């Protein structure tokens, strides 16, 4: 029974990773992010990977006003993630409001987003180092690369260091 659980868990992780990589191919990083300002970057939920990877940072991949996701796997809720830096969260929420049945945003501060991405990259590098199966190694390489590109997109738009305001 224990071995079955491990194999089932591995299968679910592999399926989630496959779906993440598959979804990335449909949402190119070269596409200009929409609705950006000097201190914000708006990206689709899918840029952060499948729900199993992204939910600790940005919540579930269904509208926050629903109690659960659709049973139809083809149904994709349009959720955007606003990465913000050196701007008050209330101002960000005014600019990108959650309006039931119209718009759903998740808000993540720059340093929280980059830390999450860095932690995932390090986790996947450690897992990859323990892996012997070539398919899994290639999958980890793709995951790491996708998150490196995501991090680069965020840092390129919002900058590396926070600007401190003087009084």
Foldseek 3Di string as FASTA:
>chain_A
DVVVVVVVVVVVVVVQLVVLLVVCVVPDLVDAFPPDDLFKGKDWQSLQGACVLCCVPFHHQAAPVDPDDDPDPVDGHTEIEIEGAPDDPVVVCVSQPDDPPPYHYGYHYLVRLLVSLVVVLVVLVVVLVVDDDPVSVVSSVSSNVSSVSVNVSSCVRHNDDGDDDDD
